[in-house]
């Protein structure tokens, strides 16, 4: 159970949706944050209704593997979620994250309202000014659409299959590249 679920929400909940390559690797960094109520792996950004993992991973649906976060804005701000997001992706590559390639593995921020759009653009601009790497930032910032939860066996994969998960992260080069990009503030 995420830490945020241990206490009752203080009021209205909000959603944040991020694509950063393999959704297995995007759950844990957000799950661990106080104020995050839930993190769901799924698919968004494409045209196909009710896509399956096989369809999305094969390409052609337009969807990206993504996570949708339900959070309590009284306990954690969208700006903090953005900070965690940036430090868990490689924003310098188009249609690829680490060993996974294709449009379905693009990095993208799917905003749910005008405030999220503004904050996402501001965070990207600030990163472009202060970034610790030379390459251009190619992460999309686009309106959120329908989010389709992934099959149950993908949900919280890092908890259900910790050995396979750690092997995948290491063999995919994710942690090594995050450290190159971000130094010690990278990944989980």
N, C-alpha and C. Protein backbone atom coordinates (compact mmCIF):
# COMPACT_ATOMS: atom_id res chain seq x y z
N UNK A 1 0.85 -1.17 0.00
CA UNK A 1 0.00 0.00 0.00
C UNK A 1 0.90 1.23 0.00
N UNK A 2 0.63 2.24 -0.89
CA UNK A 2 1.44 3.43 -0.90
C UNK A 2 1.33 4.17 0.42
N UNK A 3 2.38 4.90 0.75
CA UNK A 3 2.38 5.64 2.00
C UNK A 3 1.17 6.57 2.09
N UNK A 4 0.83 7.22 0.98
CA UNK A 4 -0.27 8.17 0.98
C UNK A 4 -1.60 7.54 1.34
N UNK A 5 -1.74 6.23 1.14
CA UNK A 5 -3.00 5.56 1.44
C UNK A 5 -3.17 5.30 2.93
N UNK A 6 -2.11 5.49 3.69
CA UNK A 6 -2.19 5.21 5.13
C UNK A 6 -3.03 6.24 5.88
N UNK A 7 -3.20 7.41 5.29
CA UNK A 7 -4.03 8.43 5.92
C UNK A 7 -5.14 8.83 4.97
N UNK A 8 -6.22 9.30 5.53
CA UNK A 8 -7.34 9.71 4.69
C UNK A 8 -7.01 10.99 3.94
N UNK A 9 -7.48 11.11 2.69
CA UNK A 9 -7.26 12.33 1.94
C UNK A 9 -7.89 13.52 2.67
N UNK A 10 -7.29 14.68 2.49
CA UNK A 10 -7.77 15.88 3.17
C UNK A 10 -8.93 16.55 2.44
N UNK A 11 -9.18 16.17 1.22
CA UNK A 11 -10.25 16.82 0.45
C UNK A 11 -10.27 16.30 -0.97
N UNK A 12 -10.38 17.21 -1.92
CA UNK A 12 -10.45 16.88 -3.34
C UNK A 12 -9.15 16.24 -3.81
N UNK A 13 -9.25 15.16 -4.56
CA UNK A 13 -8.09 14.49 -5.12
C UNK A 13 -7.90 14.93 -6.57
N UNK A 14 -6.67 14.87 -7.04
CA UNK A 14 -6.36 15.21 -8.42
C UNK A 14 -5.60 14.07 -9.07
N UNK A 15 -5.52 14.13 -10.42
CA UNK A 15 -4.79 13.12 -11.19
C UNK A 15 -3.62 13.77 -11.90
N UNK A 16 -2.57 13.00 -12.04
CA UNK A 16 -1.42 13.37 -12.86
C UNK A 16 -1.09 12.16 -13.73
N UNK A 17 -0.75 12.40 -14.98
CA UNK A 17 -0.45 11.30 -15.89
C UNK A 17 0.87 11.56 -16.60
N UNK A 18 1.77 10.59 -16.50
CA UNK A 18 3.11 10.71 -17.06
C UNK A 18 3.49 9.45 -17.83
N UNK A 19 4.15 9.63 -18.97
CA UNK A 19 4.74 8.52 -19.71
C UNK A 19 6.25 8.65 -19.63
N UNK A 20 6.90 7.56 -19.30
CA UNK A 20 8.35 7.58 -19.16
C UNK A 20 8.98 6.25 -19.50
N UNK A 21 8.52 5.66 -20.59
CA UNK A 21 9.03 4.35 -20.95
C UNK A 21 8.24 3.28 -20.21
N UNK A 22 8.89 2.21 -19.88
CA UNK A 22 8.25 1.08 -19.22
C UNK A 22 7.51 1.53 -17.96
N UNK A 23 6.22 1.25 -17.91
CA UNK A 23 5.44 1.71 -16.76
C UNK A 23 5.82 1.00 -15.47
N UNK A 24 6.40 -0.18 -15.56
CA UNK A 24 6.84 -0.87 -14.34
C UNK A 24 7.79 0.01 -13.56
N UNK A 25 8.67 0.70 -14.29
CA UNK A 25 9.72 1.50 -13.65
C UNK A 25 9.23 2.87 -13.20
N UNK A 26 8.05 3.25 -13.60
CA UNK A 26 7.53 4.57 -13.24
C UNK A 26 6.63 4.52 -12.00
N UNK A 27 6.18 3.34 -11.60
CA UNK A 27 5.28 3.24 -10.45
C UNK A 27 5.97 3.56 -9.12
N UNK A 28 7.07 2.86 -8.86
CA UNK A 28 7.70 2.94 -7.53
C UNK A 28 8.08 4.35 -7.10
N UNK A 29 8.69 5.18 -7.96
CA UNK A 29 9.07 6.52 -7.49
C UNK A 29 7.88 7.34 -6.98
N UNK A 30 6.72 7.14 -7.57
CA UNK A 30 5.53 7.90 -7.14
C UNK A 30 4.82 7.22 -5.98
N UNK A 31 4.79 5.89 -6.00
CA UNK A 31 4.17 5.12 -4.92
C UNK A 31 4.76 5.49 -3.56
N UNK A 32 6.04 5.81 -3.55
CA UNK A 32 6.75 6.06 -2.31
C UNK A 32 6.51 7.45 -1.73
N UNK A 33 5.81 8.32 -2.45
CA UNK A 33 5.65 9.71 -2.01
C UNK A 33 4.45 9.90 -1.08
N UNK A 34 4.64 10.56 0.06
CA UNK A 34 3.51 10.91 0.92
C UNK A 34 2.56 11.84 0.15
N UNK A 35 1.28 11.57 0.24
CA UNK A 35 0.29 12.36 -0.47
C UNK A 35 -0.19 11.71 -1.75
N UNK A 36 0.54 10.68 -2.22
CA UNK A 36 0.10 9.92 -3.39
C UNK A 36 -0.83 8.83 -2.88
N UNK A 37 -2.03 8.79 -3.42
CA UNK A 37 -3.05 7.83 -2.99
C UNK A 37 -2.93 6.53 -3.78
N UNK A 38 -2.71 6.64 -5.10
CA UNK A 38 -2.56 5.44 -5.92
C UNK A 38 -1.77 5.75 -7.18
N UNK A 39 -1.16 4.71 -7.73
CA UNK A 39 -0.44 4.79 -9.00
C UNK A 39 -0.91 3.60 -9.83
N UNK A 40 -1.38 3.88 -11.04
CA UNK A 40 -1.91 2.85 -11.92
C UNK A 40 -1.14 2.86 -13.23
N UNK A 41 -0.65 1.70 -13.65
CA UNK A 41 -0.02 1.57 -14.95
C UNK A 41 -1.10 1.44 -16.01
N UNK A 42 -0.84 2.03 -17.18
CA UNK A 42 -1.82 1.93 -18.25
C UNK A 42 -1.34 2.54 -19.54
N UNK A 43 -2.31 2.88 -20.38
CA UNK A 43 -2.03 3.35 -21.73
C UNK A 43 -2.84 4.61 -21.99
N UNK A 44 -2.21 5.58 -22.66
CA UNK A 44 -2.91 6.82 -23.00
C UNK A 44 -2.21 7.50 -24.16
N UNK A 45 -2.90 8.43 -24.76
CA UNK A 45 -2.31 9.24 -25.82
C UNK A 45 -2.55 8.73 -27.22
N UNK A 46 -3.30 7.65 -27.36
CA UNK A 46 -3.52 7.07 -28.68
C UNK A 46 -4.98 7.06 -29.09
N UNK A 47 -5.24 6.33 -30.16
CA UNK A 47 -6.59 6.30 -30.72
C UNK A 47 -7.36 5.01 -30.40
N UNK A 48 -6.67 3.90 -30.21
CA UNK A 48 -7.36 2.61 -30.03
C UNK A 48 -8.06 2.55 -28.69
N UNK A 49 -9.33 2.18 -28.72
CA UNK A 49 -10.09 2.01 -27.48
C UNK A 49 -9.75 0.66 -26.84
N UNK A 50 -9.66 0.67 -25.51
CA UNK A 50 -9.40 -0.55 -24.73
C UNK A 50 -8.21 -1.36 -25.28
N UNK A 51 -7.06 -0.74 -25.44
CA UNK A 51 -5.92 -1.49 -25.98
C UNK A 51 -5.39 -2.51 -24.98
N UNK A 52 -4.76 -3.53 -25.51
CA UNK A 52 -4.10 -4.53 -24.68
C UNK A 52 -2.60 -4.24 -24.65
N UNK A 53 -1.91 -4.86 -23.72
CA UNK A 53 -0.46 -4.71 -23.64
C UNK A 53 0.20 -5.14 -24.95
N UNK A 54 -0.24 -6.25 -25.50
CA UNK A 54 0.34 -6.76 -26.74
C UNK A 54 0.17 -5.76 -27.86
N UNK A 55 -1.00 -5.12 -27.96
CA UNK A 55 -1.24 -4.13 -29.01
C UNK A 55 -0.38 -2.88 -28.82
N UNK A 56 -0.32 -2.38 -27.59
CA UNK A 56 0.46 -1.17 -27.33
C UNK A 56 1.95 -1.44 -27.53
N UNK A 57 2.46 -2.54 -26.98
CA UNK A 57 3.90 -2.81 -27.08
C UNK A 57 4.32 -3.09 -28.52
N UNK A 58 3.41 -3.55 -29.36
CA UNK A 58 3.73 -3.79 -30.77
C UNK A 58 3.78 -2.48 -31.57
N UNK A 59 3.22 -1.41 -31.02
CA UNK A 59 3.18 -0.14 -31.72
C UNK A 59 1.94 -0.03 -32.58
N UNK A 60 1.68 1.16 -33.07
CA UNK A 60 0.57 1.36 -33.98
C UNK A 60 -0.74 1.80 -33.33
N UNK A 61 -0.84 1.78 -32.00
CA UNK A 61 -2.08 2.24 -31.35
C UNK A 61 -2.04 3.73 -31.06
N UNK A 62 -0.84 4.31 -31.09
CA UNK A 62 -0.65 5.70 -30.70
C UNK A 62 -0.50 5.91 -29.21
N UNK A 63 -0.80 4.88 -28.43
CA UNK A 63 -0.72 4.99 -26.97
C UNK A 63 0.72 4.89 -26.48
N UNK A 64 0.95 5.47 -25.33
CA UNK A 64 2.21 5.33 -24.60
C UNK A 64 1.94 4.53 -23.34
N UNK A 65 2.93 3.75 -22.92
CA UNK A 65 2.86 3.17 -21.58
C UNK A 65 2.99 4.35 -20.62
N UNK A 66 2.12 4.43 -19.64
CA UNK A 66 2.08 5.58 -18.75
C UNK A 66 1.63 5.17 -17.36
N UNK A 67 1.76 6.09 -16.43
CA UNK A 67 1.20 5.91 -15.09
C UNK A 67 0.25 7.06 -14.81
N UNK A 68 -0.84 6.72 -14.13
CA UNK A 68 -1.78 7.74 -13.68
C UNK A 68 -1.75 7.73 -12.16
N UNK A 69 -1.50 8.91 -11.63
CA UNK A 69 -1.32 9.08 -10.19
C UNK A 69 -2.52 9.83 -9.65
N UNK A 70 -3.11 9.30 -8.59
CA UNK A 70 -4.14 10.02 -7.85
C UNK A 70 -3.45 10.53 -6.59
N UNK A 71 -3.55 11.85 -6.39
CA UNK A 71 -2.84 12.45 -5.27
C UNK A 71 -3.69 13.49 -4.56
N UNK A 72 -3.28 13.77 -3.34
CA UNK A 72 -3.95 14.76 -2.51
C UNK A 72 -3.15 16.06 -2.61
N UNK A 73 -3.66 17.07 -3.34
CA UNK A 73 -2.89 18.30 -3.53
C UNK A 73 -2.66 19.09 -2.25
N UNK A 74 -3.36 18.76 -1.19
CA UNK A 74 -3.11 19.41 0.10
C UNK A 74 -1.86 18.82 0.77
N UNK A 75 -1.43 17.64 0.30
CA UNK A 75 -0.27 16.97 0.90
C UNK A 75 0.95 16.93 -0.01
N UNK A 76 0.73 16.99 -1.32
CA UNK A 76 1.85 16.99 -2.27
C UNK A 76 1.43 17.82 -3.49
N UNK A 77 2.32 18.66 -3.93
CA UNK A 77 2.02 19.52 -5.07
C UNK A 77 2.38 18.86 -6.40
N UNK A 78 1.73 19.33 -7.44
CA UNK A 78 2.03 18.85 -8.79
C UNK A 78 3.49 19.15 -9.15
N UNK A 79 4.02 20.26 -8.65
CA UNK A 79 5.42 20.59 -8.91
C UNK A 79 6.36 19.52 -8.38
N UNK A 80 6.06 18.94 -7.23
CA UNK A 80 6.89 17.86 -6.68
C UNK A 80 6.76 16.61 -7.56
N UNK A 81 5.56 16.31 -8.04
CA UNK A 81 5.38 15.17 -8.94
C UNK A 81 6.20 15.38 -10.21
N UNK A 82 6.21 16.60 -10.73
CA UNK A 82 7.01 16.90 -11.93
C UNK A 82 8.50 16.68 -11.66
N UNK A 83 8.96 17.11 -10.52
CA UNK A 83 10.37 16.94 -10.16
C UNK A 83 10.74 15.46 -10.14
N UNK A 84 9.91 14.65 -9.52
CA UNK A 84 10.16 13.21 -9.46
C UNK A 84 10.10 12.62 -10.87
N UNK A 85 9.14 13.05 -11.66
CA UNK A 85 9.02 12.57 -13.04
C UNK A 85 10.30 12.82 -13.83
N UNK A 86 10.74 14.07 -13.88
CA UNK A 86 11.93 14.41 -14.68
C UNK A 86 13.13 13.56 -14.28
N UNK A 87 13.31 13.31 -12.99
CA UNK A 87 14.49 12.58 -12.52
C UNK A 87 14.36 11.07 -12.69
N UNK A 88 13.28 10.61 -13.30
CA UNK A 88 13.10 9.19 -13.56
C UNK A 88 12.96 8.86 -15.04
N UNK A 89 13.28 9.86 -15.89
CA UNK A 89 13.24 9.63 -17.34
C UNK A 89 14.51 10.19 -17.97
N UNK A 90 14.70 9.85 -19.24
CA UNK A 90 15.71 10.49 -20.08
C UNK A 90 14.93 11.40 -21.03
N UNK A 91 14.89 12.71 -20.75
CA UNK A 91 14.08 13.61 -21.56
C UNK A 91 14.73 14.00 -22.88
N UNK A 92 15.88 13.38 -23.19
CA UNK A 92 16.65 13.79 -24.36
C UNK A 92 16.47 12.89 -25.57
N UNK A 93 15.65 11.86 -25.47
CA UNK A 93 15.48 10.93 -26.59
C UNK A 93 14.02 10.88 -27.02
N UNK A 94 13.81 10.82 -28.33
CA UNK A 94 12.47 10.76 -28.87
C UNK A 94 12.08 9.31 -29.11
N UNK A 95 10.87 8.96 -28.70
CA UNK A 95 10.31 7.64 -28.97
C UNK A 95 11.19 6.50 -28.45
N UNK A 96 11.77 6.72 -27.27
CA UNK A 96 12.58 5.67 -26.66
C UNK A 96 12.84 6.06 -25.21
N UNK A 97 12.93 5.07 -24.35
CA UNK A 97 13.41 5.24 -22.99
C UNK A 97 14.25 4.02 -22.69
N UNK A 98 15.56 4.26 -22.57
CA UNK A 98 16.50 3.22 -22.20
C UNK A 98 16.48 2.11 -23.25
N UNK A 99 16.21 0.87 -22.91
CA UNK A 99 16.27 -0.20 -23.92
C UNK A 99 14.95 -0.37 -24.68
N UNK A 100 13.92 0.34 -24.30
CA UNK A 100 12.62 0.22 -24.97
C UNK A 100 12.49 1.31 -26.03
N UNK A 101 12.22 0.91 -27.27
CA UNK A 101 12.10 1.91 -28.32
C UNK A 101 10.77 1.78 -29.05
N UNK A 102 10.33 2.91 -29.57
CA UNK A 102 9.05 3.02 -30.26
C UNK A 102 8.25 4.14 -29.64
N UNK A 103 7.29 4.65 -30.40
CA UNK A 103 6.46 5.78 -29.95
C UNK A 103 5.72 5.46 -28.65
N UNK A 104 5.46 4.17 -28.40
CA UNK A 104 4.77 3.74 -27.19
C UNK A 104 5.64 3.91 -25.94
N UNK A 105 6.93 4.19 -26.12
CA UNK A 105 7.84 4.38 -24.99
C UNK A 105 8.36 5.82 -24.91
N UNK A 106 7.62 6.74 -25.52
CA UNK A 106 8.02 8.15 -25.48
C UNK A 106 7.85 8.72 -24.07
N UNK A 107 8.52 9.83 -23.83
CA UNK A 107 8.31 10.54 -22.57
C UNK A 107 7.29 11.64 -22.83
N UNK A 108 6.31 11.75 -21.95
CA UNK A 108 5.25 12.75 -22.13
C UNK A 108 4.60 13.08 -20.79
N UNK A 109 4.23 14.33 -20.67
CA UNK A 109 3.43 14.81 -19.54
C UNK A 109 2.06 15.08 -20.11
N UNK A 110 1.06 14.38 -19.59
CA UNK A 110 -0.33 14.55 -20.03
C UNK A 110 -1.04 15.38 -18.97
N UNK A 111 -1.27 16.65 -19.26
CA UNK A 111 -1.86 17.54 -18.26
C UNK A 111 -3.38 17.44 -18.25
N UNK A 112 -3.95 17.60 -17.04
CA UNK A 112 -5.39 17.48 -16.83
C UNK A 112 -6.11 18.81 -16.71
N UNK A 113 -5.36 19.90 -16.56
CA UNK A 113 -5.99 21.22 -16.46
C UNK A 113 -4.95 22.28 -16.80
N UNK A 114 -5.40 23.51 -16.86
CA UNK A 114 -4.53 24.62 -17.26
C UNK A 114 -3.38 24.82 -16.27
N UNK A 115 -3.63 24.65 -14.99
CA UNK A 115 -2.57 24.82 -14.00
C UNK A 115 -1.47 23.77 -14.22
N UNK A 116 -1.85 22.52 -14.46
CA UNK A 116 -0.85 21.49 -14.73
C UNK A 116 -0.06 21.81 -16.00
N UNK A 117 -0.74 22.30 -17.04
CA UNK A 117 -0.05 22.66 -18.28
C UNK A 117 0.98 23.74 -18.01
N UNK A 118 0.59 24.76 -17.28
CA UNK A 118 1.47 25.87 -16.97
C UNK A 118 2.68 25.40 -16.15
N UNK A 119 2.42 24.61 -15.12
CA UNK A 119 3.50 24.10 -14.27
C UNK A 119 4.44 23.18 -15.05
N UNK A 120 3.89 22.35 -15.93
CA UNK A 120 4.72 21.46 -16.75
C UNK A 120 5.62 22.27 -17.68
N UNK A 121 5.06 23.27 -18.33
CA UNK A 121 5.87 24.11 -19.21
C UNK A 121 6.94 24.87 -18.43
N UNK A 122 6.58 25.39 -17.26
CA UNK A 122 7.56 26.10 -16.43
C UNK A 122 8.68 25.16 -15.99
N UNK A 123 8.33 23.93 -15.61
CA UNK A 123 9.36 22.99 -15.16
C UNK A 123 10.28 22.62 -16.31
N UNK A 124 9.73 22.47 -17.50
CA UNK A 124 10.55 22.15 -18.67
C UNK A 124 11.49 23.32 -19.00
N UNK A 125 10.96 24.53 -18.96
CA UNK A 125 11.79 25.72 -19.22
C UNK A 125 12.90 25.85 -18.19
N UNK A 126 12.58 25.63 -16.92
CA UNK A 126 13.60 25.71 -15.87
C UNK A 126 14.67 24.63 -16.07
N UNK A 127 14.24 23.46 -16.47
CA UNK A 127 15.18 22.37 -16.72
C UNK A 127 16.08 22.70 -17.91
N UNK A 128 15.51 23.29 -18.95
CA UNK A 128 16.30 23.67 -20.12
C UNK A 128 17.39 24.68 -19.75
N UNK A 129 17.12 25.52 -18.77
CA UNK A 129 18.11 26.52 -18.34
C UNK A 129 19.17 25.92 -17.43
N UNK A 130 18.80 24.97 -16.60
CA UNK A 130 19.73 24.46 -15.57
C UNK A 130 20.20 23.04 -15.80
N UNK A 131 19.79 22.42 -16.87
CA UNK A 131 20.01 20.98 -17.07
C UNK A 131 21.48 20.58 -16.96
N UNK A 132 21.70 19.41 -16.39
CA UNK A 132 23.07 18.92 -16.24
C UNK A 132 23.56 18.15 -17.46
N UNK A 133 22.84 18.20 -18.58
CA UNK A 133 23.21 17.47 -19.79
C UNK A 133 23.10 18.41 -20.98
N UNK A 134 23.76 18.05 -22.09
CA UNK A 134 23.83 18.93 -23.25
C UNK A 134 22.64 18.81 -24.21
N UNK A 135 22.09 17.63 -24.33
CA UNK A 135 21.07 17.36 -25.34
C UNK A 135 19.79 18.16 -25.10
N UNK A 136 19.04 18.38 -26.16
CA UNK A 136 17.76 19.08 -26.06
C UNK A 136 16.73 18.20 -25.36
N UNK A 137 15.77 18.83 -24.73
CA UNK A 137 14.67 18.12 -24.07
C UNK A 137 13.55 17.93 -25.09
N UNK A 138 13.14 16.68 -25.31
CA UNK A 138 12.13 16.38 -26.32
C UNK A 138 10.83 15.83 -25.72
N UNK A 139 10.72 15.83 -24.41
CA UNK A 139 9.51 15.32 -23.74
C UNK A 139 8.29 16.14 -24.17
N UNK A 140 7.22 15.45 -24.55
CA UNK A 140 5.97 16.10 -24.95
C UNK A 140 5.22 16.61 -23.73
N UNK A 141 4.51 17.72 -23.91
CA UNK A 141 3.54 18.20 -22.93
C UNK A 141 2.26 18.36 -23.70
N UNK A 142 1.28 17.53 -23.36
CA UNK A 142 0.07 17.41 -24.18
C UNK A 142 -1.16 17.18 -23.30
N UNK A 143 -2.35 17.54 -23.78
CA UNK A 143 -3.55 17.32 -22.97
C UNK A 143 -3.79 15.84 -22.67
N UNK A 144 -4.27 15.57 -21.48
CA UNK A 144 -4.62 14.20 -21.10
C UNK A 144 -5.89 13.78 -21.83
N UNK A 145 -5.92 12.53 -22.19
CA UNK A 145 -7.11 11.95 -22.81
C UNK A 145 -7.57 10.77 -21.97
N UNK A 146 -8.22 9.83 -22.61
CA UNK A 146 -8.69 8.64 -21.91
C UNK A 146 -7.48 7.83 -21.47
N UNK A 147 -7.52 7.36 -20.23
CA UNK A 147 -6.46 6.51 -19.68
C UNK A 147 -7.05 5.12 -19.50
N UNK A 148 -6.39 4.13 -20.08
CA UNK A 148 -6.83 2.74 -19.97
C UNK A 148 -5.89 1.99 -19.03
N UNK A 149 -6.38 1.53 -17.87
CA UNK A 149 -5.51 0.76 -16.98
C UNK A 149 -4.98 -0.49 -17.68
N UNK A 150 -3.73 -0.80 -17.41
CA UNK A 150 -3.11 -2.02 -17.95
C UNK A 150 -3.67 -3.23 -17.22
N UNK A 151 -3.38 -4.37 -17.77
CA UNK A 151 -3.80 -5.64 -17.19
C UNK A 151 -3.26 -5.75 -15.77
N UNK A 152 -3.98 -6.50 -14.95
CA UNK A 152 -3.65 -6.60 -13.52
C UNK A 152 -2.22 -7.06 -13.27
N UNK A 153 -1.72 -7.98 -14.07
CA UNK A 153 -0.37 -8.49 -13.81
C UNK A 153 0.71 -7.42 -13.97
N UNK A 154 0.41 -6.30 -14.62
CA UNK A 154 1.36 -5.20 -14.75
C UNK A 154 1.33 -4.25 -13.55
N UNK A 155 0.23 -4.24 -12.82
CA UNK A 155 0.08 -3.29 -11.71
C UNK A 155 1.05 -3.65 -10.59
N UNK A 156 1.84 -2.69 -10.18
CA UNK A 156 2.81 -2.84 -9.08
C UNK A 156 3.73 -4.05 -9.30
N UNK A 157 4.18 -4.15 -10.54
CA UNK A 157 5.07 -5.26 -10.92
C UNK A 157 6.30 -5.31 -10.03
N UNK A 158 6.81 -4.14 -9.64
CA UNK A 158 8.03 -4.11 -8.81
C UNK A 158 7.82 -4.78 -7.46
N UNK A 159 6.58 -4.82 -6.97
CA UNK A 159 6.29 -5.52 -5.71
C UNK A 159 6.02 -7.00 -5.94
N UNK A 160 5.30 -7.31 -7.01
CA UNK A 160 4.90 -8.69 -7.29
C UNK A 160 6.07 -9.55 -7.76
N UNK A 161 7.00 -8.94 -8.49
CA UNK A 161 8.12 -9.67 -9.09
C UNK A 161 9.42 -8.89 -8.87
N UNK A 162 9.83 -8.72 -7.62
CA UNK A 162 10.98 -7.83 -7.34
C UNK A 162 12.28 -8.26 -8.00
N UNK A 163 12.55 -9.54 -8.10
CA UNK A 163 13.81 -9.98 -8.70
C UNK A 163 13.80 -9.71 -10.20
N UNK A 164 12.72 -10.09 -10.88
CA UNK A 164 12.61 -9.81 -12.31
C UNK A 164 12.64 -8.31 -12.59
N UNK A 165 11.95 -7.54 -11.74
CA UNK A 165 11.93 -6.10 -11.90
C UNK A 165 13.34 -5.52 -11.80
N UNK A 166 14.09 -5.87 -10.77
CA UNK A 166 15.44 -5.34 -10.60
C UNK A 166 16.35 -5.77 -11.76
N UNK A 167 16.19 -7.00 -12.22
CA UNK A 167 16.98 -7.48 -13.36
C UNK A 167 16.66 -6.65 -14.60
N UNK A 168 15.37 -6.42 -14.85
CA UNK A 168 14.96 -5.62 -16.01
C UNK A 168 15.56 -4.23 -15.95
N UNK A 169 15.42 -3.55 -14.81
CA UNK A 169 15.96 -2.18 -14.66
C UNK A 169 17.45 -2.15 -14.94
N UNK A 170 18.18 -3.12 -14.39
CA UNK A 170 19.63 -3.14 -14.56
C UNK A 170 20.01 -3.48 -16.00
N UNK A 171 19.39 -4.51 -16.56
CA UNK A 171 19.77 -4.94 -17.91
C UNK A 171 19.34 -3.93 -18.97
N UNK A 172 18.33 -3.14 -18.68
CA UNK A 172 17.84 -2.13 -19.61
C UNK A 172 18.72 -0.87 -19.57
N UNK A 173 19.57 -0.75 -18.57
CA UNK A 173 20.45 0.41 -18.47
C UNK A 173 19.79 1.65 -17.89
N UNK A 174 18.61 1.48 -17.33
CA UNK A 174 17.86 2.63 -16.82
C UNK A 174 18.60 3.35 -15.71
N UNK A 175 19.00 2.64 -14.67
CA UNK A 175 19.64 3.28 -13.52
C UNK A 175 20.97 3.92 -13.91
N UNK A 176 21.74 3.24 -14.75
CA UNK A 176 23.02 3.79 -15.19
C UNK A 176 22.82 5.11 -15.94
N UNK A 177 21.86 5.14 -16.87
CA UNK A 177 21.61 6.36 -17.65
C UNK A 177 21.03 7.47 -16.77
N UNK A 178 20.14 7.13 -15.85
CA UNK A 178 19.60 8.15 -14.96
C UNK A 178 20.71 8.78 -14.13
N UNK A 179 21.64 7.98 -13.68
CA UNK A 179 22.76 8.53 -12.90
C UNK A 179 23.63 9.43 -13.77
N UNK A 180 23.85 9.05 -15.04
CA UNK A 180 24.61 9.91 -15.96
C UNK A 180 23.92 11.26 -16.14
N UNK A 181 22.60 11.23 -16.28
CA UNK A 181 21.83 12.45 -16.53
C UNK A 181 21.68 13.32 -15.28
N UNK A 182 21.33 12.69 -14.16
CA UNK A 182 20.88 13.41 -12.99
C UNK A 182 21.79 13.31 -11.77
N UNK A 183 22.79 12.47 -11.84
CA UNK A 183 23.66 12.28 -10.68
C UNK A 183 22.94 11.47 -9.60
N UNK A 184 23.17 11.79 -8.35
CA UNK A 184 22.62 11.02 -7.23
C UNK A 184 21.14 11.24 -6.98
N UNK A 185 20.51 12.19 -7.66
CA UNK A 185 19.08 12.46 -7.40
C UNK A 185 18.19 11.61 -8.31
N UNK A 186 18.75 10.67 -9.03
CA UNK A 186 18.00 9.93 -10.04
C UNK A 186 17.34 8.68 -9.48
N UNK A 187 16.18 8.36 -10.09
CA UNK A 187 15.52 7.08 -9.95
C UNK A 187 15.25 6.59 -8.53
N UNK A 188 14.69 5.39 -8.47
CA UNK A 188 14.44 4.69 -7.21
C UNK A 188 14.73 3.24 -7.40
